[in-house]
C-alpha atoms as a PDB file:
ATOM      1  CA  UNK A   1     -14.397 -37.105  40.204  1.00  0.00           C
ATOM      2  CA  UNK A   2     -15.767 -34.012  41.936  1.00  0.00           C
ATOM      3  CA  UNK A   3     -12.747 -32.017  40.725  1.00  0.00           C
ATOM      4  CA  UNK A   4     -13.383 -33.088  37.126  1.00  0.00           C
ATOM      5  CA  UNK A   5     -17.065 -32.175  37.467  1.00  0.00           C
ATOM      6  CA  UNK A   6     -16.166 -28.719  38.832  1.00  0.00           C
ATOM      7  CA  UNK A   7     -13.655 -28.214  36.011  1.00  0.00           C
ATOM      8  CA  UNK A   8     -16.293 -29.137  33.429  1.00  0.00           C
ATOM      9  CA  UNK A   9     -18.710 -26.595  34.897  1.00  0.00           C
ATOM     10  CA  UNK A  10     -15.994 -23.918  34.892  1.00  0.00           C
ATOM     11  CA  UNK A  11     -15.138 -24.597  31.240  1.00  0.00           C
ATOM     12  CA  UNK A  12     -18.837 -24.477  30.363  1.00  0.00           C
ATOM     13  CA  UNK A  13     -19.081 -20.895  31.629  1.00  0.00           C
ATOM     14  CA  UNK A  14     -15.667 -19.759  30.361  1.00  0.00           C
ATOM     15  CA  UNK A  15     -15.958 -21.105  26.782  1.00  0.00           C
ATOM     16  CA  UNK A  16     -18.723 -18.717  25.656  1.00  0.00           C
ATOM     17  CA  UNK A  17     -16.623 -15.786  26.834  1.00  0.00           C
ATOM     18  CA  UNK A  18     -13.603 -16.701  24.719  1.00  0.00           C
ATOM     19  CA  UNK A  19     -13.204 -15.049  21.336  1.00  0.00           C
ATOM     20  CA  UNK A  20     -14.596 -17.282  18.590  1.00  0.00           C
ATOM     21  CA  UNK A  21     -13.032 -15.603  15.574  1.00  0.00           C
ATOM     22  CA  UNK A  22     -11.236 -17.403  12.762  1.00  0.00           C
ATOM     23  CA  UNK A  23      -9.464 -15.788   9.816  1.00  0.00           C
ATOM     24  CA  UNK A  24     -10.710 -17.562   6.693  1.00  0.00           C
ATOM     25  CA  UNK A  25      -9.104 -15.441   3.961  1.00  0.00           C
ATOM     26  CA  UNK A  26      -6.982 -12.332   3.482  1.00  0.00           C
ATOM     27  CA  UNK A  27      -6.581 -10.307   0.289  1.00  0.00           C
ATOM     28  CA  UNK A  28      -4.035  -7.507  -0.080  1.00  0.00           C
ATOM     29  CA  UNK A  29      -4.790  -5.227  -3.063  1.00  0.00           C
ATOM     30  CA  UNK A  30      -2.255  -2.598  -4.113  1.00  0.00           C
ATOM     31  CA  UNK A  31      -2.699   0.137  -6.701  1.00  0.00           C
ATOM     32  CA  UNK A  32       0.635   1.605  -7.811  1.00  0.00           C
ATOM     33  CA  UNK A  33       0.651   5.246  -8.924  1.00  0.00           C
ATOM     34  CA  UNK A  34       2.882   6.920 -11.551  1.00  0.00           C
ATOM     35  CA  UNK A  35       4.541   9.095  -8.874  1.00  0.00           C
ATOM     36  CA  UNK A  36       5.731   6.027  -6.932  1.00  0.00           C
ATOM     37  CA  UNK A  37       3.074   6.203  -4.216  1.00  0.00           C
ATOM     38  CA  UNK A  38       0.433   3.494  -3.775  1.00  0.00           C
ATOM     39  CA  UNK A  39      -2.970   2.778  -2.261  1.00  0.00           C
ATOM     40  CA  UNK A  40      -3.636  -0.422  -0.298  1.00  0.00           C
ATOM     41  CA  UNK A  41      -6.879  -2.176   0.531  1.00  0.00           C
ATOM     42  CA  UNK A  42      -6.640  -5.270   2.726  1.00  0.00           C
ATOM     43  CA  UNK A  43      -9.749  -7.409   3.152  1.00  0.00           C
ATOM     44  CA  UNK A  44      -9.944  -9.902   6.036  1.00  0.00           C
ATOM     45  CA  UNK A  45     -12.763 -12.447   5.918  1.00  0.00           C
ATOM     46  CA  UNK A  46     -13.729 -13.724   9.392  1.00  0.00           C
ATOM     47  CA  UNK A  47     -15.757 -16.726  10.604  1.00  0.00           C
ATOM     48  CA  UNK A  48     -17.481 -16.023  13.953  1.00  0.00           C
ATOM     49  CA  UNK A  49     -18.515 -18.903  16.176  1.00  0.00           C
ATOM     50  CA  UNK A  50     -20.861 -18.388  19.141  1.00  0.00           C
ATOM     51  CA  UNK A  51     -23.472 -15.802  20.061  1.00  0.00           C
ATOM     52  CA  UNK A  52     -21.148 -14.090  22.540  1.00  0.00           C
ATOM     53  CA  UNK A  53     -18.542 -13.530  19.805  1.00  0.00           C
ATOM     54  CA  UNK A  54     -21.219 -12.344  17.379  1.00  0.00           C
ATOM     55  CA  UNK A  55     -22.453  -9.826  19.969  1.00  0.00           C
ATOM     56  CA  UNK A  56     -18.866  -8.753  20.657  1.00  0.00           C
ATOM     57  CA  UNK A  57     -18.354  -8.050  16.958  1.00  0.00           C
ATOM     58  CA  UNK A  58     -21.653  -6.169  16.594  1.00  0.00           C
ATOM     59  CA  UNK A  59     -21.015  -4.118  19.743  1.00  0.00           C
ATOM     60  CA  UNK A  60     -17.550  -3.186  18.443  1.00  0.00           C
ATOM     61  CA  UNK A  61     -18.482  -2.291  14.868  1.00  0.00           C
ATOM     62  CA  UNK A  62     -18.079   1.451  15.515  1.00  0.00           C
ATOM     63  CA  UNK A  63     -14.439   0.991  16.609  1.00  0.00           C
ATOM     64  CA  UNK A  64     -12.059   2.032  13.846  1.00  0.00           C
ATOM     65  CA  UNK A  65      -8.627   1.516  15.435  1.00  0.00           C
ATOM     66  CA  UNK A  66      -6.682  -1.558  14.411  1.00  0.00           C
ATOM     67  CA  UNK A  67      -5.278  -2.410  17.845  1.00  0.00           C
ATOM     68  CA  UNK A  68      -8.816  -2.730  19.272  1.00  0.00           C
ATOM     69  CA  UNK A  69      -9.803  -5.239  16.609  1.00  0.00           C
ATOM     70  CA  UNK A  70      -6.656  -7.301  17.082  1.00  0.00           C
ATOM     71  CA  UNK A  71      -7.413  -7.424  20.817  1.00  0.00           C
ATOM     72  CA  UNK A  72     -11.087  -8.320  20.351  1.00  0.00           C
ATOM     73  CA  UNK A  73     -10.629 -11.013  17.699  1.00  0.00           C
ATOM     74  CA  UNK A  74      -7.265 -12.301  18.996  1.00  0.00           C
ATOM     75  CA  UNK A  75      -6.136 -12.569  15.352  1.00  0.00           C
ATOM     76  CA  UNK A  76      -2.536 -11.379  15.139  1.00  0.00           C
ATOM     77  CA  UNK A  77      -2.527 -11.377  11.336  1.00  0.00           C
ATOM     78  CA  UNK A  78      -5.235  -8.727  11.256  1.00  0.00           C
ATOM     79  CA  UNK A  79      -2.672  -6.046  10.413  1.00  0.00           C
ATOM     80  CA  UNK A  80      -1.149  -4.131   7.540  1.00  0.00           C
ATOM     81  CA  UNK A  81       1.009  -6.373   5.375  1.00  0.00           C
ATOM     82  CA  UNK A  82       3.273  -3.526   4.280  1.00  0.00           C
ATOM     83  CA  UNK A  83       6.021  -2.694   6.768  1.00  0.00           C
ATOM     84  CA  UNK A  84       6.439   0.765   8.302  1.00  0.00           C
ATOM     85  CA  UNK A  85      10.166   0.007   8.470  1.00  0.00           C
ATOM     86  CA  UNK A  86      10.328   0.630   4.706  1.00  0.00           C
ATOM     87  CA  UNK A  87       7.439   2.960   3.880  1.00  0.00           C
ATOM     88  CA  UNK A  88       5.205   5.592   5.429  1.00  0.00           C
ATOM     89  CA  UNK A  89       1.601   4.424   5.934  1.00  0.00           C
ATOM     90  CA  UNK A  90      -0.821   7.358   5.824  1.00  0.00           C
ATOM     91  CA  UNK A  91      -4.567   7.682   6.540  1.00  0.00           C
ATOM     92  CA  UNK A  92      -5.103   4.147   7.824  1.00  0.00           C
ATOM     93  CA  UNK A  93      -8.833   3.452   7.953  1.00  0.00           C
ATOM     94  CA  UNK A  94     -10.413   0.366   9.562  1.00  0.00           C
ATOM     95  CA  UNK A  95     -13.880  -0.393   8.174  1.00  0.00           C
ATOM     96  CA  UNK A  96     -15.654  -3.371   9.794  1.00  0.00           C
ATOM     97  CA  UNK A  97     -18.672  -4.552   7.806  1.00  0.00           C
ATOM     98  CA  UNK A  98     -21.959  -5.904   9.256  1.00  0.00           C
ATOM     99  CA  UNK A  99     -22.184  -9.649   9.941  1.00  0.00           C
ATOM    100  CA  UNK A 100     -23.690 -11.792   7.179  1.00  0.00           C
ATOM    101  CA  UNK A 101     -24.572 -15.386   6.277  1.00  0.00           C
ATOM    102  CA  UNK A 102     -25.573 -16.089   9.871  1.00  0.00           C
ATOM    103  CA  UNK A 103     -26.817 -19.507  10.990  1.00  0.00           C
ATOM    104  CA  UNK A 104     -28.938 -18.976  14.099  1.00  0.00           C
ATOM    105  CA  UNK A 105     -29.066 -22.672  14.979  1.00  0.00           C
ATOM    106  CA  UNK A 106     -25.303 -23.135  14.713  1.00  0.00           C
ATOM    107  CA  UNK A 107     -24.666 -19.677  16.199  1.00  0.00           C
ATOM    108  CA  UNK A 108     -22.225 -18.719  13.430  1.00  0.00           C
ATOM    109  CA  UNK A 109     -21.759 -15.709  11.159  1.00  0.00           C
ATOM    110  CA  UNK A 110     -19.271 -14.306   8.675  1.00  0.00           C
ATOM    111  CA  UNK A 111     -17.876 -10.777   8.687  1.00  0.00           C
ATOM    112  CA  UNK A 112     -15.422  -8.647   6.724  1.00  0.00           C
ATOM    113  CA  UNK A 113     -12.934  -6.078   8.011  1.00  0.00           C
ATOM    114  CA  UNK A 114     -11.348  -3.760   5.443  1.00  0.00           C
ATOM    115  CA  UNK A 115      -8.109  -1.838   5.967  1.00  0.00           C
ATOM    116  CA  UNK A 116      -7.478   1.117   3.634  1.00  0.00           C
ATOM    117  CA  UNK A 117      -4.327   3.238   3.588  1.00  0.00           C
ATOM    118  CA  UNK A 118      -1.929   5.166   1.364  1.00  0.00           C
ATOM    119  CA  UNK A 119       1.766   4.370   0.975  1.00  0.00           C
ATOM    120  CA  UNK A 120       4.548   6.941   0.514  1.00  0.00           C
ATOM    121  CA  UNK A 121       8.335   7.048   0.891  1.00  0.00           C
ATOM    122  CA  UNK A 122       9.450   7.677   4.486  1.00  0.00           C
ATOM    123  CA  UNK A 123      11.326  10.782   3.334  1.00  0.00           C
ATOM    124  CA  UNK A 124      12.350  12.556   0.136  1.00  0.00           C
ATOM    125  CA  UNK A 125      15.603  10.600  -0.135  1.00  0.00           C
ATOM    126  CA  UNK A 126      14.108   7.108   0.178  1.00  0.00           C
ATOM    127  CA  UNK A 127      12.032   4.813  -2.024  1.00  0.00           C
ATOM    128  CA  UNK A 128       8.428   3.881  -1.308  1.00  0.00           C
ATOM    129  CA  UNK A 129       6.828   0.601  -2.274  1.00  0.00           C
ATOM    130  CA  UNK A 130       8.631   0.879  -5.612  1.00  0.00           C
ATOM    131  CA  UNK A 131      12.122   2.005  -6.577  1.00  0.00           C
ATOM    132  CA  UNK A 132      12.067   4.497  -9.452  1.00  0.00           C
ATOM    133  CA  UNK A 133      14.889   5.004 -11.941  1.00  0.00           C
ATOM    134  CA  UNK A 134      14.610   7.603 -14.717  1.00  0.00           C
ATOM    135  CA  UNK A 135      17.359   5.992 -16.740  1.00  0.00           C
ATOM    136  CA  UNK A 136      16.695   7.919 -19.953  1.00  0.00           C
ATOM    137  CA  UNK A 137      14.749  11.089 -20.888  1.00  0.00           C
ATOM    138  CA  UNK A 138      11.014  10.784 -20.122  1.00  0.00           C
ATOM    139  CA  UNK A 139      11.336   7.060 -19.252  1.00  0.00           C
ATOM    140  CA  UNK A 140      11.133   5.751 -15.674  1.00  0.00           C
ATOM    141  CA  UNK A 141      11.598   2.164 -14.554  1.00  0.00           C
ATOM    142  CA  UNK A 142       9.653   0.980 -11.493  1.00  0.00           C
ATOM    143  CA  UNK A 143      10.783  -1.985  -9.372  1.00  0.00           C
ATOM    144  CA  UNK A 144       8.591  -3.388  -6.600  1.00  0.00           C
ATOM    145  CA  UNK A 145      10.337  -3.655  -3.217  1.00  0.00           C
ATOM    146  CA  UNK A 146       9.409  -7.142  -2.044  1.00  0.00           C
ATOM    147  CA  UNK A 147      11.250  -6.540   1.244  1.00  0.00           C
ATOM    148  CA  UNK A 148       8.583  -3.957   2.139  1.00  0.00           C
ATOM    149  CA  UNK A 149       5.966  -6.703   2.572  1.00  0.00           C
ATOM    150  CA  UNK A 150       5.453  -8.076   6.080  1.00  0.00           C
ATOM    151  CA  UNK A 151       4.156 -11.539   5.197  1.00  0.00           C
ATOM    152  CA  UNK A 152       5.709 -14.649   6.718  1.00  0.00           C
ATOM    153  CA  UNK A 153       8.979 -15.578   5.025  1.00  0.00           C
ATOM    154  CA  UNK A 154      10.551 -18.841   3.927  1.00  0.00           C
ATOM    155  CA  UNK A 155      14.131 -19.797   4.794  1.00  0.00           C
ATOM    156  CA  UNK A 156      15.193 -18.324   1.449  1.00  0.00           C
ATOM    157  CA  UNK A 157      13.263 -15.077   2.210  1.00  0.00           C
ATOM    158  CA  UNK A 158      10.364 -15.906  -0.104  1.00  0.00           C
ATOM    159  CA  UNK A 159       6.927 -14.443   0.596  1.00  0.00           C
ATOM    160  CA  UNK A 160       4.645 -17.146   2.022  1.00  0.00           C
ATOM    161  CA  UNK A 161       0.989 -16.906   0.992  1.00  0.00           C
ATOM    162  CA  UNK A 162      -0.886 -19.544   3.028  1.00  0.00           C
ATOM    163  CA  UNK A 163      -4.198 -21.021   1.913  1.00  0.00           C
ATOM    164  CA  UNK A 164      -6.737 -18.218   1.562  1.00  0.00           C
ATOM    165  CA  UNK A 165      -4.129 -15.471   1.177  1.00  0.00           C
ATOM    166  CA  UNK A 166      -3.830 -13.406  -2.006  1.00  0.00           C
ATOM    167  CA  UNK A 167      -1.793 -10.448  -3.278  1.00  0.00           C
ATOM    168  CA  UNK A 168      -3.271  -8.329  -6.057  1.00  0.00           C
ATOM    169  CA  UNK A 169      -1.150  -5.597  -7.655  1.00  0.00           C
ATOM    170  CA  UNK A 170      -2.446  -3.079 -10.209  1.00  0.00           C
ATOM    171  CA  UNK A 171       0.110  -1.145 -12.275  1.00  0.00           C
ATOM    172  CA  UNK A 172      -0.780   2.027 -14.258  1.00  0.00           C
ATOM    173  CA  UNK A 173      -2.657   1.292 -17.486  1.00  0.00           C
ATOM    174  CA  UNK A 174       0.061   2.792 -19.698  1.00  0.00           C
ATOM    175  CA  UNK A 175       2.822   0.638 -18.179  1.00  0.00           C
ATOM    176  CA  UNK A 176       5.175  -1.088 -20.625  1.00  0.00           C
ATOM    177  CA  UNK A 177       7.981  -3.659 -20.501  1.00  0.00           C
ATOM    178  CA  UNK A 178       6.373  -5.520 -17.584  1.00  0.00           C
ATOM    179  CA  UNK A 179       8.301  -8.434 -16.070  1.00  0.00           C
ATOM    180  CA  UNK A 180       7.480 -10.921 -13.289  1.00  0.00           C
ATOM    181  CA  UNK A 181       9.600 -13.358 -11.334  1.00  0.00           C
ATOM    182  CA  UNK A 182       6.463 -15.535 -11.151  1.00  0.00           C
ATOM    183  CA  UNK A 183       3.686 -15.466 -13.749  1.00  0.00           C
ATOM    184  CA  UNK A 184       0.482 -14.230 -12.030  1.00  0.00           C
ATOM    185  CA  UNK A 185      -2.365 -16.680 -11.464  1.00  0.00           C
ATOM    186  CA  UNK A 186      -4.701 -14.603 -13.655  1.00  0.00           C
ATOM    187  CA  UNK A 187      -2.317 -14.414 -16.634  1.00  0.00           C
ATOM    188  CA  UNK A 188      -2.210 -17.316 -19.131  1.00  0.00           C
ATOM    189  CA  UNK A 189       1.281 -18.804 -19.233  1.00  0.00           C
ATOM    190  CA  UNK A 190       1.371 -18.758 -23.026  1.00  0.00           C
ATOM    191  CA  UNK A 191       4.117 -17.676 -25.405  1.00  0.00           C
ATOM    192  CA  UNK A 192       1.709 -15.284 -27.149  1.00  0.00           C
ATOM    193  CA  UNK A 193       1.455 -13.304 -23.898  1.00  0.00           C
ATOM    194  CA  UNK A 194       5.216 -12.752 -23.621  1.00  0.00           C
ATOM    195  CA  UNK A 195       8.183 -11.621 -25.698  1.00  0.00           C
ATOM    196  CA  UNK A 196      11.723 -12.647 -24.822  1.00  0.00           C
ATOM    197  CA  UNK A 197      14.370  -9.961 -25.283  1.00  0.00           C
ATOM    198  CA  UNK A 198      17.790 -11.521 -25.767  1.00  0.00           C
ATOM    199  CA  UNK A 199      19.584  -8.210 -25.202  1.00  0.00           C
ATOM    200  CA  UNK A 200      18.208  -7.633 -21.686  1.00  0.00           C
ATOM    201  CA  UNK A 201      17.446 -11.274 -20.903  1.00  0.00           C
ATOM    202  CA  UNK A 202      13.905 -10.316 -19.845  1.00  0.00           C
ATOM    203  CA  UNK A 203      10.631 -11.979 -20.762  1.00  0.00           C
ATOM    204  CA  UNK A 204       8.253  -9.044 -21.239  1.00  0.00           C
ATOM    205  CA  UNK A 205       4.516  -9.393 -20.684  1.00  0.00           C
ATOM    206  CA  UNK A 206       2.457  -8.173 -23.672  1.00  0.00           C
ATOM    207  CA  UNK A 207      -1.120  -8.691 -22.470  1.00  0.00           C
ATOM    208  CA  UNK A 208      -3.744  -6.047 -21.760  1.00  0.00           C
ATOM    209  CA  UNK A 209      -4.421  -7.049 -18.140  1.00  0.00           C
ATOM    210  CA  UNK A 210      -2.722  -4.622 -15.742  1.00  0.00           C
ATOM    211  CA  UNK A 211      -3.971  -6.074 -12.451  1.00  0.00           C
ATOM    212  CA  UNK A 212      -2.101  -9.197 -11.335  1.00  0.00           C
ATOM    213  CA  UNK A 213      -2.770 -11.669  -8.534  1.00  0.00           C
ATOM    214  CA  UNK A 214      -0.922 -14.455  -6.731  1.00  0.00           C
ATOM    215  CA  UNK A 215      -2.342 -16.768  -4.039  1.00  0.00           C
ATOM    216  CA  UNK A 216      -1.683 -19.940  -2.004  1.00  0.00           C
ATOM    217  CA  UNK A 217       2.028 -20.221  -2.811  1.00  0.00           C
ATOM    218  CA  UNK A 218       5.530 -19.165  -1.826  1.00  0.00           C
ATOM    219  CA  UNK A 219       6.897 -16.337  -3.965  1.00  0.00           C
ATOM    220  CA  UNK A 220      10.662 -16.905  -4.034  1.00  0.00           C
ATOM    221  CA  UNK A 221      12.736 -13.863  -5.027  1.00  0.00           C
ATOM    222  CA  UNK A 222       9.498 -12.091  -5.861  1.00  0.00           C
ATOM    223  CA  UNK A 223       9.871  -9.197  -8.291  1.00  0.00           C
ATOM    224  CA  UNK A 224       7.727  -7.030 -10.541  1.00  0.00           C
ATOM    225  CA  UNK A 225       9.102  -4.315 -12.832  1.00  0.00           C
ATOM    226  CA  UNK A 226       7.569  -2.031 -15.434  1.00  0.00           C
ATOM    227  CA  UNK A 227       8.316   1.181 -17.292  1.00  0.00           C
ATOM    228  CA  UNK A 228       6.399   4.359 -18.013  1.00  0.00           C
ATOM    229  CA  UNK A 229       7.205   6.964 -20.651  1.00  0.00           C
ATOM    230  CA  UNK A 230       6.191  10.562 -20.101  1.00  0.00           C
ATOM    231  CA  UNK A 231       4.897  12.498 -23.106  1.00  0.00           C
ATOM    232  CA  UNK A 232       6.876  15.482 -24.438  1.00  0.00           C
ATOM    233  CA  UNK A 233       4.049  17.804 -23.354  1.00  0.00           C
ATOM    234  CA  UNK A 234       4.159  16.293 -19.860  1.00  0.00           C
ATOM    235  CA  UNK A 235       7.922  16.759 -19.669  1.00  0.00           C
ATOM    236  CA  UNK A 236       7.636  20.440 -20.630  1.00  0.00           C
ATOM    237  CA  UNK A 237       4.832  20.972 -18.121  1.00  0.00           C
ATOM    238  CA  UNK A 238       6.861  19.254 -15.379  1.00  0.00           C
ATOM    239  CA  UNK A 239       9.902  21.394 -16.246  1.00  0.00           C
ATOM    240  CA  UNK A 240       8.029  24.678 -15.835  1.00  0.00           C
ATOM    241  CA  UNK A 241       6.218  23.408 -12.746  1.00  0.00           C
ATOM    242  CA  UNK A 242       9.546  22.448 -11.135  1.00  0.00           C
ATOM    243  CA  UNK A 243      11.061  25.800 -12.126  1.00  0.00           C
ATOM    244  CA  UNK A 244       8.099  27.654 -10.607  1.00  0.00           C
ATOM    245  CA  UNK A 245       8.420  25.672  -7.371  1.00  0.00           C
ATOM    246  CA  UNK A 246      12.158  26.349  -7.155  1.00  0.00           C
ATOM    247  CA  UNK A 247      11.659  30.078  -7.733  1.00  0.00           C
ATOM    248  CA  UNK A 248       8.921  30.163  -5.089  1.00  0.00           C
ATOM    249  CA  UNK A 249      11.151  28.351  -2.575  1.00  0.00           C
ATOM    250  CA  UNK A 250      14.085  30.641  -3.378  1.00  0.00           C
ATOM    251  CA  UNK A 251      12.027  33.795  -2.914  1.00  0.00           C
ATOM    252  CA  UNK A 252      10.712  32.762   0.486  1.00  0.00           C
ATOM    253  CA  UNK A 253      13.971  31.315   1.771  1.00  0.00           C
ATOM    254  CA  UNK A 254      16.207  33.318   4.130  1.00  0.00           C
ATOM    255  CA  UNK A 255      18.688  34.113   1.379  1.00  0.00           C
ATOM    256  CA  UNK A 256      15.861  35.027  -1.027  1.00  0.00           C
ATOM    257  CA  UNK A 257      14.335  37.503   1.423  1.00  0.00           C
ATOM    258  CA  UNK A 258      17.802  39.000   2.026  1.00  0.00           C
ATOM    259  CA  UNK A 259      18.272  39.508  -1.740  1.00  0.00           C
ATOM    260  CA  UNK A 260      14.835  41.142  -2.020  1.00  0.00           C
ATOM    261  CA  UNK A 261      15.555  43.540   0.871  1.00  0.00           C
ATOM    262  CA  UNK A 262      18.938  44.404  -0.642  1.00  0.00           C
ATOM    263  CA  UNK A 263      17.309  45.115  -4.003  1.00  0.00           C
ATOM    264  CA  UNK A 264      14.665  47.309  -2.338  1.00  0.00           C
ATOM    265  CA  UNK A 265      17.367  49.250  -0.463  1.00  0.00           C
ATOM    266  CA  UNK A 266      19.046  50.010  -3.802  1.00  0.00           C
ATOM    267  CA  UNK A 267      15.912  50.777  -5.803  1.00  0.00           C
ATOM    268  CA  UNK A 268      14.168  53.097  -3.338  1.00  0.00           C
ATOM    269  CA  UNK A 269      17.069  55.634  -3.125  1.00  0.00           C
ATOM    270  CA  UNK A 270      17.320  55.633  -6.905  1.00  0.00           C
ATOM    271  CA  UNK A 271      13.593  56.391  -7.212  1.00  0.00           C
ATOM    272  CA  UNK A 272      13.896  59.160  -4.603  1.00  0.00           C
ATOM    273  CA  UNK A 273      16.871  60.784  -6.390  1.00  0.00           C
ATOM    274  CA  UNK A 274      15.036  60.544  -9.703  1.00  0.00           C
ATOM    275  CA  UNK A 275      12.029  62.352  -8.201  1.00  0.00           C
ATOM    276  CA  UNK A 276      14.326  65.139  -6.903  1.00  0.00           C
ATOM    277  CA  UNK A 277      15.804  65.659 -10.364  1.00  0.00           C
ATOM    278  CA  UNK A 278      12.333  66.212 -11.806  1.00  0.00           C
ATOM    279  CA  UNK A 279      11.668  68.925  -9.221  1.00  0.00           C
END
């Protein structure tokens, strides 16, 4: 009996020191850019139970490294949901927000932690979050790489979005020929919103909404594709910009400098001889 009483007292003092953080929701928002890069904003909504945990959060609000917050909250899923094994994550920013909706009697609060970062290919020869294919002049097809997401996976490799989890993906406004493996939650599943193309076998989305969301489900064989067509003026501008870059790189390369020095060694004697002839 005495042992049980001592254990109860010990638990009474230990319990307030334990982290009272619970992940209530998680939203991953991705904005895809025409050049194949992307911007991510991940919003974690936390429930905080106990004054000691509330104080811990408030005392830590100036910390902006992700590992510190994972350690303090003991929430393993407080992380980026895009894998560094497939893409390069740049400028990761952790922005904890002040506590809100506090109940002083119940000793509870809510809080939000936002993760912001940019996504690029790991190197020039690899794809980023999307695979690009310029399969005809001025037209590029973009295919989302579902393997780059680091969500939990089903036995068939589907992306598992538990209750409270959401993915939101925004494609460029001038995107065309958009296809989904799963109709987004915010898009009406109506025939007027889609056009079936018998030649390609694709069901193209025709609506004006360009920001799509999925939540609380398993996305089996998840895919999203779209196309963008560059204007003729843009193609000409890109051509001259690429040519200018190539010339600049050639001039300042080792071989370019050697050619310039060789040309100077030929031109200077010619100028000198020409000046002697005038005399």
